Amino acid sequence: MALQSDVDDAEPLDGDFARAVLTGLGEDAKNIPCQFLYDARGSELFEEITRLEEYYPTRTEIALLEACGSEIAALAGPGRAVVEFGSGSSRKTHILLDCLDDPAAYIPIDISHDALGEAAARLKQSYPGLAVHPLHADFNQGLELPARYGACPKLGFFPGSTIGNFTLDAAAEFLADAGDVLGANSDFLVGADLRKDLDILLPAYDDRQGVTSAFILNLIHRINRELGGDLDIGGFKHQAVYNDRLGRIEIYIISLVDQVVEIMGRRFALAGGERIHIENSHKYTVAQFQAMARDAGWASEHVWTDRRDYFSLHYLRRNGG
């Protein structure tokens, strides 16, 4: 039986998926934003991806968190309210909460209501004395934290190199907006994937077992199920390519044939080979990320990297906080 927990809806999300699909498929450069990959099944598939041999980011970041926990705690100090942006399963949150000194609260924010509620319930069981206040919201659309935590010093948490999904300008904007949400005297712990050889990078987004493909193509199933689409899953494939100029992995759904699909009564023509852009995953250098954070109002207090320089953890402090 699924665990359940009270979840606050910061803003209504119904209809966002429909608007994004209908708008994105109507454009010349077709696209669907990556946050809509994470329905209940998508969240399950992504958790499976994180355990794949090819997918290095999760296990590398977990090892860094475990190794650097005492240093993170010393920087954070006692009594922080931990605010996790895009919390998902909150799998790494246990590591952070275990190392912190008397955290005041945990506020996970996620677009997936089911994943959010179940993760929050598990954390309430694991930390019965900790205030857990899940917030169902799209953190890209602006939000406010519960008023009861207004005076509490915050530690933002944004693991998984999710920041790589943003364009560079949007990543800087997110960092600035997160600073406004977290407020004065806030700190921010952010995971960022680093640039590396393509023989390591590309398999992480196109694994041998096809789990990543199933994750991306689950979006087709979701369109059919929730929006009354008639898309034939056999007419599409997943593709991951590296854009060297922009320093990022780009993920697409490719139409394998000329076809016309119908979604919510609207018809869309797709040519064979036409791409629907789904996701970017930017790869940074440490210096590049630190410069971006500084421009967004954060000072770099410390950075940790693994011995192979695959991944980085950045401890940021709000300038003027």
C-alpha atoms as a PDB file:
ATOM      1  CA  MET A   1       0.000   0.000   0.000  1.00  0.00           C
ATOM      2  CA  ALA A   2       1.330   3.432  -0.912  1.00  0.00           C
ATOM      3  CA  LEU A   3       2.216   5.726   1.940  1.00  0.00           C
ATOM      4  CA  GLN A   4       0.271   8.954   2.035  1.00  0.00           C
ATOM      5  CA  SER A   5       0.980  12.368   3.492  1.00  0.00           C
ATOM      6  CA  ASP A   6      -0.778  15.702   3.548  1.00  0.00           C
ATOM      7  CA  VAL A   7       0.464  17.759   0.624  1.00  0.00           C
ATOM      8  CA  ASP A   8      -0.100  21.477   0.109  1.00  0.00           C
ATOM      9  CA  ASP A   9      -0.941  22.607  -3.410  1.00  0.00           C
ATOM     10  CA  ALA A  10       0.880  25.899  -3.807  1.00  0.00           C
ATOM     11  CA  GLU A  11      -0.860  26.586  -7.115  1.00  0.00           C
ATOM     12  CA  PRO A  12      -3.158  24.635  -9.445  1.00  0.00           C
ATOM     13  CA  LEU A  13      -1.230  22.477 -11.907  1.00  0.00           C
ATOM     14  CA  ASP A  14      -4.218  20.981 -13.742  1.00  0.00           C
ATOM     15  CA  GLY A  15      -4.098  21.923 -17.393  1.00  0.00           C
ATOM     16  CA  ASP A  16      -0.399  22.762 -17.485  1.00  0.00           C
ATOM     17  CA  PHE A  17       0.424  19.478 -19.220  1.00  0.00           C
ATOM     18  CA  ALA A  18      -2.249  19.974 -21.866  1.00  0.00           C
ATOM     19  CA  ARG A  19      -1.159  23.552 -22.552  1.00  0.00           C
ATOM     20  CA  ALA A  20       2.493  22.551 -22.810  1.00  0.00           C
ATOM     21  CA  VAL A  21       1.812  19.679 -25.225  1.00  0.00           C
ATOM     22  CA  LEU A  22      -0.607  21.573 -27.471  1.00  0.00           C
ATOM     23  CA  THR A  23       1.597  24.660 -27.579  1.00  0.00           C
ATOM     24  CA  GLY A  24       4.883  22.772 -27.998  1.00  0.00           C
ATOM     25  CA  LEU A  25       3.676  20.523 -30.813  1.00  0.00           C
ATOM     26  CA  GLY A  26       2.241  23.524 -32.617  1.00  0.00           C
ATOM     27  CA  GLU A  27       5.634  25.202 -32.922  1.00  0.00           C
ATOM     28  CA  ASP A  28       8.070  24.794 -35.809  1.00  0.00           C
ATOM     29  CA  ALA A  29      10.721  23.452 -33.408  1.00  0.00           C
ATOM     30  CA  LYS A  30       8.490  21.026 -31.550  1.00  0.00           C
ATOM     31  CA  ASN A  31       9.076  20.613 -27.833  1.00  0.00           C
ATOM     32  CA  ILE A  32       7.547  19.368 -24.584  1.00  0.00           C
ATOM     33  CA  PRO A  33       9.155  20.534 -21.287  1.00  0.00           C
ATOM     34  CA  CYS A  34      10.975  17.827 -19.377  1.00  0.00           C
ATOM     35  CA  GLN A  35       9.096  18.306 -16.099  1.00  0.00           C
ATOM     36  CA  PHE A  36       6.166  16.443 -17.656  1.00  0.00           C
ATOM     37  CA  LEU A  37       8.215  13.251 -17.797  1.00  0.00           C
ATOM     38  CA  TYR A  38       7.537  12.769 -14.093  1.00  0.00           C
ATOM     39  CA  ASP A  39       4.094  11.275 -13.718  1.00  0.00           C
ATOM     40  CA  ALA A  40       3.897   8.280 -11.350  1.00  0.00           C
ATOM     41  CA  ARG A  41       5.296   5.837 -13.928  1.00  0.00           C
ATOM     42  CA  GLY A  42       7.923   8.317 -15.115  1.00  0.00           C
ATOM     43  CA  SER A  43       9.126   8.838 -11.561  1.00  0.00           C
ATOM     44  CA  GLU A  44       9.437   5.058 -11.116  1.00  0.00           C
ATOM     45  CA  LEU A  45      11.435   4.733 -14.333  1.00  0.00           C
ATOM     46  CA  PHE A  46      13.751   7.568 -13.391  1.00  0.00           C
ATOM     47  CA  GLU A  47      14.504   5.903 -10.070  1.00  0.00           C
ATOM     48  CA  GLU A  48      15.399   2.784 -12.054  1.00  0.00           C
ATOM     49  CA  ILE A  49      17.714   4.862 -14.263  1.00  0.00           C
ATOM     50  CA  THR A  50      19.595   6.137 -11.218  1.00  0.00           C
ATOM     51  CA  ARG A  51      20.562   2.555 -10.364  1.00  0.00           C
ATOM     52  CA  LEU A  52      21.937   1.694 -13.810  1.00  0.00           C
ATOM     53  CA  GLU A  53      25.631   1.011 -14.262  1.00  0.00           C
ATOM     54  CA  GLU A  54      25.888   3.662 -16.989  1.00  0.00           C
ATOM     55  CA  TYR A  55      24.196   6.386 -14.960  1.00  0.00           C
ATOM     56  CA  TYR A  56      27.055   7.745 -12.837  1.00  0.00           C
ATOM     57  CA  PRO A  57      25.529  11.022 -11.454  1.00  0.00           C
ATOM     58  CA  THR A  58      23.386   9.576  -8.656  1.00  0.00           C
ATOM     59  CA  ARG A  59      25.902   7.212  -7.084  1.00  0.00           C
ATOM     60  CA  THR A  60      28.704   9.784  -7.468  1.00  0.00           C
ATOM     61  CA  GLU A  61      26.667  12.516  -5.783  1.00  0.00           C
ATOM     62  CA  ILE A  62      25.564  10.169  -3.001  1.00  0.00           C
ATOM     63  CA  ALA A  63      29.197   9.254  -2.314  1.00  0.00           C
ATOM     64  CA  LEU A  64      30.096  12.949  -2.168  1.00  0.00           C
ATOM     65  CA  LEU A  65      27.265  13.719   0.257  1.00  0.00           C
ATOM     66  CA  GLU A  66      28.292  10.847   2.497  1.00  0.00           C
ATOM     67  CA  ALA A  67      31.961  11.848   2.442  1.00  0.00           C
ATOM     68  CA  CYS A  68      31.373  15.571   2.982  1.00  0.00           C
ATOM     69  CA  GLY A  69      28.471  15.467   5.431  1.00  0.00           C
ATOM     70  CA  SER A  70      30.388  16.790   8.429  1.00  0.00           C
ATOM     71  CA  GLU A  71      31.747  19.700   6.393  1.00  0.00           C
ATOM     72  CA  ILE A  72      28.268  20.522   5.086  1.00  0.00           C
ATOM     73  CA  ALA A  73      26.901  20.471   8.637  1.00  0.00           C
ATOM     74  CA  ALA A  74      29.656  22.786   9.859  1.00  0.00           C
ATOM     75  CA  LEU A  75      28.880  25.288   7.099  1.00  0.00           C
ATOM     76  CA  ALA A  76      25.118  25.120   7.652  1.00  0.00           C
ATOM     77  CA  GLY A  77      25.099  25.321  11.444  1.00  0.00           C
ATOM     78  CA  PRO A  78      22.095  24.283  13.558  1.00  0.00           C
ATOM     79  CA  GLY A  79      18.391  24.850  13.036  1.00  0.00           C
ATOM     80  CA  ARG A  80      18.125  25.121   9.267  1.00  0.00           C
ATOM     81  CA  ALA A  81      14.872  24.441   7.438  1.00  0.00           C
ATOM     82  CA  VAL A  82      15.822  22.298   4.438  1.00  0.00           C
ATOM     83  CA  VAL A  83      13.978  23.294   1.252  1.00  0.00           C
ATOM     84  CA  GLU A  84      14.404  20.784  -1.578  1.00  0.00           C
ATOM     85  CA  PHE A  85      13.532  21.930  -5.095  1.00  0.00           C
ATOM     86  CA  GLY A  86      12.235  19.066  -7.257  1.00  0.00           C
ATOM     87  CA  SER A  87      12.464  16.536  -4.449  1.00  0.00           C
ATOM     88  CA  GLY A  88      11.272  13.423  -6.339  1.00  0.00           C
ATOM     89  CA  SER A  89      11.788  10.387  -4.106  1.00  0.00           C
ATOM     90  CA  SER A  90      13.891  12.410  -1.612  1.00  0.00           C
ATOM     91  CA  ARG A  91      16.425   9.574  -1.803  1.00  0.00           C
ATOM     92  CA  LYS A  92      19.424  11.793  -1.034  1.00  0.00           C
ATOM     93  CA  THR A  93      17.601  13.810   1.591  1.00  0.00           C
ATOM     94  CA  HIS A  94      18.201  11.177   4.294  1.00  0.00           C
ATOM     95  CA  ILE A  95      21.945  11.653   3.903  1.00  0.00           C
ATOM     96  CA  LEU A  96      21.668  15.427   4.263  1.00  0.00           C
ATOM     97  CA  LEU A  97      19.237  15.327   7.208  1.00  0.00           C
ATOM     98  CA  ASP A  98      21.383  12.743   9.025  1.00  0.00           C
ATOM     99  CA  CYS A  99      24.434  15.002   8.907  1.00  0.00           C
ATOM    100  CA  LEU A 100      22.735  18.316   9.821  1.00  0.00           C
ATOM    101  CA  ASP A 101      22.573  19.644  13.363  1.00  0.00           C
ATOM    102  CA  ASP A 102      18.951  19.772  14.561  1.00  0.00           C
ATOM    103  CA  PRO A 103      17.207  20.702  11.281  1.00  0.00           C
ATOM    104  CA  ALA A 104      14.078  22.762  11.931  1.00  0.00           C
ATOM    105  CA  ALA A 105      11.940  21.403   9.084  1.00  0.00           C
ATOM    106  CA  TYR A 106      11.973  19.710   5.704  1.00  0.00           C
ATOM    107  CA  ILE A 107      10.004  21.335   2.867  1.00  0.00           C
ATOM    108  CA  PRO A 108      10.075  19.218  -0.324  1.00  0.00           C
ATOM    109  CA  ILE A 109       8.738  20.832  -3.510  1.00  0.00           C
ATOM    110  CA  ASP A 110       7.771  18.705  -6.494  1.00  0.00           C
ATOM    111  CA  ILE A 111       5.447  18.641  -9.500  1.00  0.00           C
ATOM    112  CA  SER A 112       4.565  14.953  -8.996  1.00  0.00           C
ATOM    113  CA  HIS A 113       1.851  14.792  -6.339  1.00  0.00           C
ATOM    114  CA  ASP A 114       2.157  11.020  -5.860  1.00  0.00           C
ATOM    115  CA  ALA A 115       5.950  10.935  -5.550  1.00  0.00           C
ATOM    116  CA  LEU A 116       5.862  13.943  -3.231  1.00  0.00           C
ATOM    117  CA  GLY A 117       3.281  12.490  -0.871  1.00  0.00           C
ATOM    118  CA  GLU A 118       4.925   9.076  -0.636  1.00  0.00           C
ATOM    119  CA  ALA A 119       8.421  10.515  -0.101  1.00  0.00           C
ATOM    120  CA  ALA A 120       7.173  12.926   2.549  1.00  0.00           C
ATOM    121  CA  ALA A 121       5.372  10.111   4.366  1.00  0.00           C
ATOM    122  CA  ARG A 122       8.531   7.982   4.389  1.00  0.00           C
ATOM    123  CA  LEU A 123      10.528  10.863   5.839  1.00  0.00           C
ATOM    124  CA  LYS A 124       7.923  11.456   8.543  1.00  0.00           C
ATOM    125  CA  GLN A 125       8.322   7.812   9.528  1.00  0.00           C
ATOM    126  CA  SER A 126      12.125   8.047   9.521  1.00  0.00           C
ATOM    127  CA  TYR A 127      12.235  11.394  11.368  1.00  0.00           C
ATOM    128  CA  PRO A 128       9.167  11.484  13.631  1.00  0.00           C
ATOM    129  CA  GLY A 129      10.355  14.628  15.406  1.00  0.00           C
ATOM    130  CA  LEU A 130      10.956  16.597  12.209  1.00  0.00           C
ATOM    131  CA  ALA A 131       8.341  18.932  10.739  1.00  0.00           C
ATOM    132  CA  VAL A 132       7.753  17.815   7.123  1.00  0.00           C
ATOM    133  CA  HIS A 133       5.724  20.169   4.935  1.00  0.00           C
ATOM    134  CA  PRO A 134       5.445  18.925   1.309  1.00  0.00           C
ATOM    135  CA  LEU A 135       4.561  21.539  -1.300  1.00  0.00           C
ATOM    136  CA  HIS A 136       3.011  20.462  -4.616  1.00  0.00           C
ATOM    137  CA  ALA A 137       4.208  23.071  -7.094  1.00  0.00           C
ATOM    138  CA  ASP A 138       6.287  23.788 -10.164  1.00  0.00           C
ATOM    139  CA  PHE A 139       9.262  25.607  -8.697  1.00  0.00           C
ATOM    140  CA  ASN A 140       9.886  27.204 -12.108  1.00  0.00           C
ATOM    141  CA  GLN A 141       6.640  29.177 -11.863  1.00  0.00           C
ATOM    142  CA  GLY A 142       7.344  31.126  -8.701  1.00  0.00           C
ATOM    143  CA  LEU A 143       6.223  30.102  -5.220  1.00  0.00           C
ATOM    144  CA  GLU A 144       6.150  31.115  -1.588  1.00  0.00           C
ATOM    145  CA  LEU A 145       7.194  28.950   1.321  1.00  0.00           C
ATOM    146  CA  PRO A 146       4.782  28.345   4.214  1.00  0.00           C
ATOM    147  CA  ALA A 147       4.600  31.489   6.343  1.00  0.00           C
ATOM    148  CA  ARG A 148       5.367  29.586   9.545  1.00  0.00           C
ATOM    149  CA  TYR A 149       8.976  29.135   8.389  1.00  0.00           C
ATOM    150  CA  GLY A 150       9.519  32.757   7.390  1.00  0.00           C
ATOM    151  CA  ALA A 151      11.965  33.593  10.178  1.00  0.00           C
ATOM    152  CA  CYS A 152      13.813  30.280  10.023  1.00  0.00           C
ATOM    153  CA  PRO A 153      17.218  30.203   8.276  1.00  0.00           C
ATOM    154  CA  LYS A 154      16.970  28.065   5.135  1.00  0.00           C
ATOM    155  CA  LEU A 155      19.232  25.577   3.424  1.00  0.00           C
ATOM    156  CA  GLY A 156      18.131  25.052  -0.153  1.00  0.00           C
ATOM    157  CA  PHE A 157      18.893  21.638  -1.645  1.00  0.00           C
ATOM    158  CA  PHE A 158      18.975  21.024  -5.402  1.00  0.00           C
ATOM    159  CA  PRO A 159      20.753  17.715  -6.068  1.00  0.00           C
ATOM    160  CA  GLY A 160      20.968  15.491  -9.119  1.00  0.00           C
ATOM    161  CA  SER A 161      22.353  18.141 -11.484  1.00  0.00           C
ATOM    162  CA  THR A 162      18.750  19.077 -12.250  1.00  0.00           C
ATOM    163  CA  ILE A 163      20.079  22.578 -12.809  1.00  0.00           C
ATOM    164  CA  GLY A 164      21.609  21.201 -16.002  1.00  0.00           C
ATOM    165  CA  ASN A 165      18.106  20.872 -17.463  1.00  0.00           C
ATOM    166  CA  PHE A 166      17.877  24.658 -17.701  1.00  0.00           C
ATOM    167  CA  THR A 167      19.438  26.755 -20.432  1.00  0.00           C
ATOM    168  CA  LEU A 168      22.364  28.732 -19.059  1.00  0.00           C
ATOM    169  CA  ASP A 169      20.298  31.921 -18.810  1.00  0.00           C
ATOM    170  CA  ALA A 170      17.410  30.067 -17.178  1.00  0.00           C
ATOM    171  CA  ALA A 171      19.789  28.381 -14.706  1.00  0.00           C
ATOM    172  CA  ALA A 172      21.080  31.773 -13.597  1.00  0.00           C
ATOM    173  CA  GLU A 173      17.504  33.026 -13.302  1.00  0.00           C
ATOM    174  CA  PHE A 174      16.538  29.982 -11.218  1.00  0.00           C
ATOM    175  CA  LEU A 175      19.445  30.558  -8.821  1.00  0.00           C
ATOM    176  CA  ALA A 176      18.409  34.186  -8.384  1.00  0.00           C
ATOM    177  CA  ASP A 177      14.735  33.275  -7.899  1.00  0.00           C
ATOM    178  CA  ALA A 178      15.638  30.541  -5.414  1.00  0.00           C
ATOM    179  CA  GLY A 179      17.524  33.132  -3.417  1.00  0.00           C
ATOM    180  CA  ASP A 180      14.380  35.251  -3.250  1.00  0.00           C
ATOM    181  CA  VAL A 181      12.310  32.235  -2.151  1.00  0.00           C
ATOM    182  CA  LEU A 182      14.799  31.153   0.507  1.00  0.00           C
ATOM    183  CA  GLY A 183      15.375  34.678   1.779  1.00  0.00           C
ATOM    184  CA  ALA A 184      18.084  36.417   3.764  1.00  0.00           C
ATOM    185  CA  ASN A 185      20.724  34.365   5.568  1.00  0.00           C
ATOM    186  CA  SER A 186      20.026  31.403   3.296  1.00  0.00           C
ATOM    187  CA  ASP A 187      22.478  28.829   1.999  1.00  0.00           C
ATOM    188  CA  PHE A 188      22.121  26.562  -1.011  1.00  0.00           C
ATOM    189  CA  LEU A 189      23.611  23.123  -1.719  1.00  0.00           C
ATOM    190  CA  VAL A 190      23.538  22.404  -5.457  1.00  0.00           C
ATOM    191  CA  GLY A 191      24.760  19.398  -7.445  1.00  0.00           C
ATOM    192  CA  ALA A 192      26.181  20.077 -10.901  1.00  0.00           C
ATOM    193  CA  ASP A 193      27.445  17.538 -13.411  1.00  0.00           C
ATOM    194  CA  LEU A 194      30.871  18.202 -14.917  1.00  0.00           C
ATOM    195  CA  ARG A 195      32.155  17.970 -18.474  1.00  0.00           C
ATOM    196  CA  LYS A 196      33.745  14.645 -19.382  1.00  0.00           C
ATOM    197  CA  ASP A 197      34.526  12.236 -22.214  1.00  0.00           C
ATOM    198  CA  LEU A 198      31.612  11.257 -24.425  1.00  0.00           C
ATOM    199  CA  ASP A 199      32.225   7.537 -23.898  1.00  0.00           C
ATOM    200  CA  ILE A 200      31.163   8.129 -20.278  1.00  0.00           C
ATOM    201  CA  LEU A 201      28.564  10.807 -20.950  1.00  0.00           C
ATOM    202  CA  LEU A 202      26.438   9.414 -23.767  1.00  0.00           C
ATOM    203  CA  PRO A 203      25.695   5.944 -22.308  1.00  0.00           C
ATOM    204  CA  ALA A 204      24.304   7.645 -19.205  1.00  0.00           C
ATOM    205  CA  TYR A 205      21.443   8.914 -21.405  1.00  0.00           C
ATOM    206  CA  ASP A 206      21.069   5.888 -23.696  1.00  0.00           C
ATOM    207  CA  ASP A 207      21.603   2.755 -21.629  1.00  0.00           C
ATOM    208  CA  ARG A 208      21.899  -0.760 -23.016  1.00  0.00           C
ATOM    209  CA  GLN A 209      18.758  -2.006 -21.264  1.00  0.00           C
ATOM    210  CA  GLY A 210      16.558   0.717 -22.734  1.00  0.00           C
ATOM    211  CA  VAL A 211      15.327   2.102 -19.410  1.00  0.00           C
ATOM    212  CA  THR A 212      16.070   5.682 -20.456  1.00  0.00           C
ATOM    213  CA  SER A 213      14.197   5.119 -23.696  1.00  0.00           C
ATOM    214  CA  ALA A 214      11.196   3.789 -21.759  1.00  0.00           C
ATOM    215  CA  PHE A 215      11.364   6.817 -19.463  1.00  0.00           C
ATOM    216  CA  ILE A 216      11.321   9.296 -22.332  1.00  0.00           C
ATOM    217  CA  LEU A 217       8.708   7.429 -24.391  1.00  0.00           C
ATOM    218  CA  ASN A 218       6.464   7.157 -21.332  1.00  0.00           C
ATOM    219  CA  LEU A 219       5.549  10.713 -22.290  1.00  0.00           C
ATOM    220  CA  ILE A 220       3.719   9.258 -25.313  1.00  0.00           C
ATOM    221  CA  HIS A 221       1.723   6.962 -23.044  1.00  0.00           C
ATOM    222  CA  ARG A 222       0.907   9.901 -20.765  1.00  0.00           C
ATOM    223  CA  ILE A 223      -0.357  11.994 -23.688  1.00  0.00           C
ATOM    224  CA  ASN A 224      -2.600   9.137 -24.798  1.00  0.00           C
ATOM    225  CA  ARG A 225      -3.896   8.441 -21.306  1.00  0.00           C
ATOM    226  CA  GLU A 226      -4.420  11.963 -19.984  1.00  0.00           C
ATOM    227  CA  LEU A 227      -5.051  13.991 -23.140  1.00  0.00           C
ATOM    228  CA  GLY A 228      -6.954  11.518 -25.290  1.00  0.00           C
ATOM    229  CA  GLY A 229      -4.102  11.153 -27.770  1.00  0.00           C
ATOM    230  CA  ASP A 230      -3.932   8.517 -30.483  1.00  0.00           C
ATOM    231  CA  LEU A 231      -0.138   8.309 -30.780  1.00  0.00           C
ATOM    232  CA  ASP A 232       1.293   4.912 -31.743  1.00  0.00           C
ATOM    233  CA  ILE A 233       4.289   4.255 -29.477  1.00  0.00           C
ATOM    234  CA  GLY A 234       5.871   2.199 -32.270  1.00  0.00           C
ATOM    235  CA  GLY A 235       6.091   5.313 -34.410  1.00  0.00           C
ATOM    236  CA  PHE A 236       8.612   7.024 -32.130  1.00  0.00           C
ATOM    237  CA  LYS A 237      12.066   6.514 -30.663  1.00  0.00           C
ATOM    238  CA  HIS A 238      14.234   8.278 -28.085  1.00  0.00           C
ATOM    239  CA  GLN A 239      17.504   9.978 -29.089  1.00  0.00           C
ATOM    240  CA  ALA A 240      20.330  11.477 -27.005  1.00  0.00           C
ATOM    241  CA  VAL A 241      23.016  13.629 -28.660  1.00  0.00           C
ATOM    242  CA  TYR A 242      25.802  15.868 -27.377  1.00  0.00           C
ATOM    243  CA  ASN A 243      25.893  19.507 -28.452  1.00  0.00           C
ATOM    244  CA  ASP A 244      29.555  20.405 -28.115  1.00  0.00           C
ATOM    245  CA  ARG A 245      29.031  24.126 -28.776  1.00  0.00           C
ATOM    246  CA  LEU A 246      26.568  24.475 -25.896  1.00  0.00           C
ATOM    247  CA  GLY A 247      28.143  21.815 -23.676  1.00  0.00           C
ATOM    248  CA  ARG A 248      25.010  19.769 -23.175  1.00  0.00           C
ATOM    249  CA  ILE A 249      23.227  16.507 -23.811  1.00  0.00           C
ATOM    250  CA  GLU A 250      20.020  17.030 -25.798  1.00  0.00           C
ATOM    251  CA  ILE A 251      17.206  14.478 -25.626  1.00  0.00           C
ATOM    252  CA  TYR A 252      14.539  14.128 -28.297  1.00  0.00           C
ATOM    253  CA  ILE A 253      11.594  11.985 -29.281  1.00  0.00           C
ATOM    254  CA  ILE A 254      11.931  11.205 -32.989  1.00  0.00           C
ATOM    255  CA  SER A 255       9.015  10.489 -35.311  1.00  0.00           C
ATOM    256  CA  LEU A 256       9.984   7.379 -37.287  1.00  0.00           C
ATOM    257  CA  VAL A 257       7.447   7.949 -40.089  1.00  0.00           C
ATOM    258  CA  ASP A 258       5.312  10.663 -41.629  1.00  0.00           C
ATOM    259  CA  GLN A 259       2.233  10.725 -39.434  1.00  0.00           C
ATOM    260  CA  VAL A 260      -0.689  12.824 -38.249  1.00  0.00           C
ATOM    261  CA  VAL A 261      -1.590  12.519 -34.571  1.00  0.00           C
ATOM    262  CA  GLU A 262      -4.631  13.783 -32.702  1.00  0.00           C
ATOM    263  CA  ILE A 263      -4.556  15.179 -29.150  1.00  0.00           C
ATOM    264  CA  MET A 264      -7.615  16.708 -27.475  1.00  0.00           C
ATOM    265  CA  GLY A 265      -9.266  17.099 -30.850  1.00  0.00           C
ATOM    266  CA  ARG A 266      -6.313  18.878 -32.455  1.00  0.00           C
ATOM    267  CA  ARG A 267      -4.263  17.302 -35.223  1.00  0.00           C
ATOM    268  CA  PHE A 268      -0.505  17.623 -35.618  1.00  0.00           C
ATOM    269  CA  ALA A 269       1.566  16.549 -38.639  1.00  0.00           C
ATOM    270  CA  LEU A 270       4.946  14.978 -37.928  1.00  0.00           C
ATOM    271  CA  ALA A 271       7.436  14.222 -40.670  1.00  0.00           C
ATOM    272  CA  GLY A 272       9.589  11.108 -40.577  1.00  0.00           C
ATOM    273  CA  GLY A 273      12.769  12.034 -38.719  1.00  0.00           C
ATOM    274  CA  GLU A 274      11.237  15.139 -37.137  1.00  0.00           C
ATOM    275  CA  ARG A 275      12.382  15.744 -33.584  1.00  0.00           C
ATOM    276  CA  ILE A 276      10.443  16.780 -30.489  1.00  0.00           C
ATOM    277  CA  HIS A 277      12.852  18.360 -28.033  1.00  0.00           C
ATOM    278  CA  ILE A 278      12.329  17.041 -24.498  1.00  0.00           C
ATOM    279  CA  GLU A 279      15.311  17.844 -22.327  1.00  0.00           C
ATOM    280  CA  ASN A 280      18.754  19.407 -22.050  1.00  0.00           C
ATOM    281  CA  SER A 281      21.424  18.381 -19.568  1.00  0.00           C
ATOM    282  CA  HIS A 282      24.197  20.965 -19.404  1.00  0.00           C
ATOM    283  CA  LYS A 283      27.633  19.972 -18.191  1.00  0.00           C
ATOM    284  CA  TYR A 284      29.667  22.589 -16.336  1.00  0.00           C
ATOM    285  CA  THR A 285      33.199  23.337 -15.310  1.00  0.00           C
ATOM    286  CA  VAL A 286      33.571  24.264 -11.642  1.00  0.00           C
ATOM    287  CA  ALA A 287      34.666  27.795 -12.554  1.00  0.00           C
ATOM    288  CA  GLN A 288      31.739  28.230 -14.956  1.00  0.00           C
ATOM    289  CA  PHE A 289      29.202  27.226 -12.315  1.00  0.00           C
ATOM    290  CA  GLN A 290      30.765  29.415  -9.640  1.00  0.00           C
ATOM    291  CA  ALA A 291      30.687  32.442 -11.968  1.00  0.00           C
ATOM    292  CA  MET A 292      27.029  31.834 -12.795  1.00  0.00           C
ATOM    293  CA  ALA A 293      26.127  31.505  -9.108  1.00  0.00           C
ATOM    294  CA  ARG A 294      28.005  34.695  -8.273  1.00  0.00           C
ATOM    295  CA  ASP A 295      26.145  36.625 -10.966  1.00  0.00           C
ATOM    296  CA  ALA A 296      22.872  35.311  -9.483  1.00  0.00           C
ATOM    297  CA  GLY A 297      23.674  36.659  -6.024  1.00  0.00           C
ATOM    298  CA  TRP A 298      25.368  33.683  -4.390  1.00  0.00           C
ATOM    299  CA  ALA A 299      28.885  33.426  -2.991  1.00  0.00           C
ATOM    300  CA  SER A 300      30.702  30.121  -3.344  1.00  0.00           C
ATOM    301  CA  GLU A 301      31.647  28.925   0.141  1.00  0.00           C
ATOM    302  CA  HIS A 302      32.964  25.501  -0.845  1.00  0.00           C
ATOM    303  CA  VAL A 303      32.969  23.006  -3.697  1.00  0.00           C
ATOM    304  CA  TRP A 304      33.527  19.258  -3.544  1.00  0.00           C
ATOM    305  CA  THR A 305      34.319  16.988  -6.506  1.00  0.00           C
ATOM    306  CA  ASP A 306      34.900  13.245  -6.731  1.00  0.00           C
ATOM    307  CA  ARG A 307      38.364  11.889  -7.546  1.00  0.00           C
ATOM    308  CA  ARG A 308      37.488  11.459 -11.245  1.00  0.00           C
ATOM    309  CA  ASP A 309      35.995  14.967 -11.523  1.00  0.00           C
ATOM    310  CA  TYR A 310      32.696  13.568 -12.767  1.00  0.00           C
ATOM    311  CA  PHE A 311      30.448  15.585 -10.461  1.00  0.00           C
ATOM    312  CA  SER A 312      30.498  18.636  -8.191  1.00  0.00           C
ATOM    313  CA  LEU A 313      28.658  19.769  -5.058  1.00  0.00           C
ATOM    314  CA  HIS A 314      28.518  23.522  -4.466  1.00  0.00           C
ATOM    315  CA  TYR A 315      27.803  25.131  -1.107  1.00  0.00           C
ATOM    316  CA  LEU A 316      26.541  28.642  -1.810  1.00  0.00           C
ATOM    317  CA  ARG A 317      25.727  31.531   0.541  1.00  0.00           C
ATOM    318  CA  ARG A 318      23.358  34.352  -0.238  1.00  0.00           C
ATOM    319  CA  ASN A 319      25.307  37.553  -0.867  1.00  0.00           C
ATOM    320  CA  GLY A 320      24.405  40.132   1.739  1.00  0.00           C
ATOM    321  CA  GLY A 321      22.604  37.478   3.831  1.00  0.00           C
END
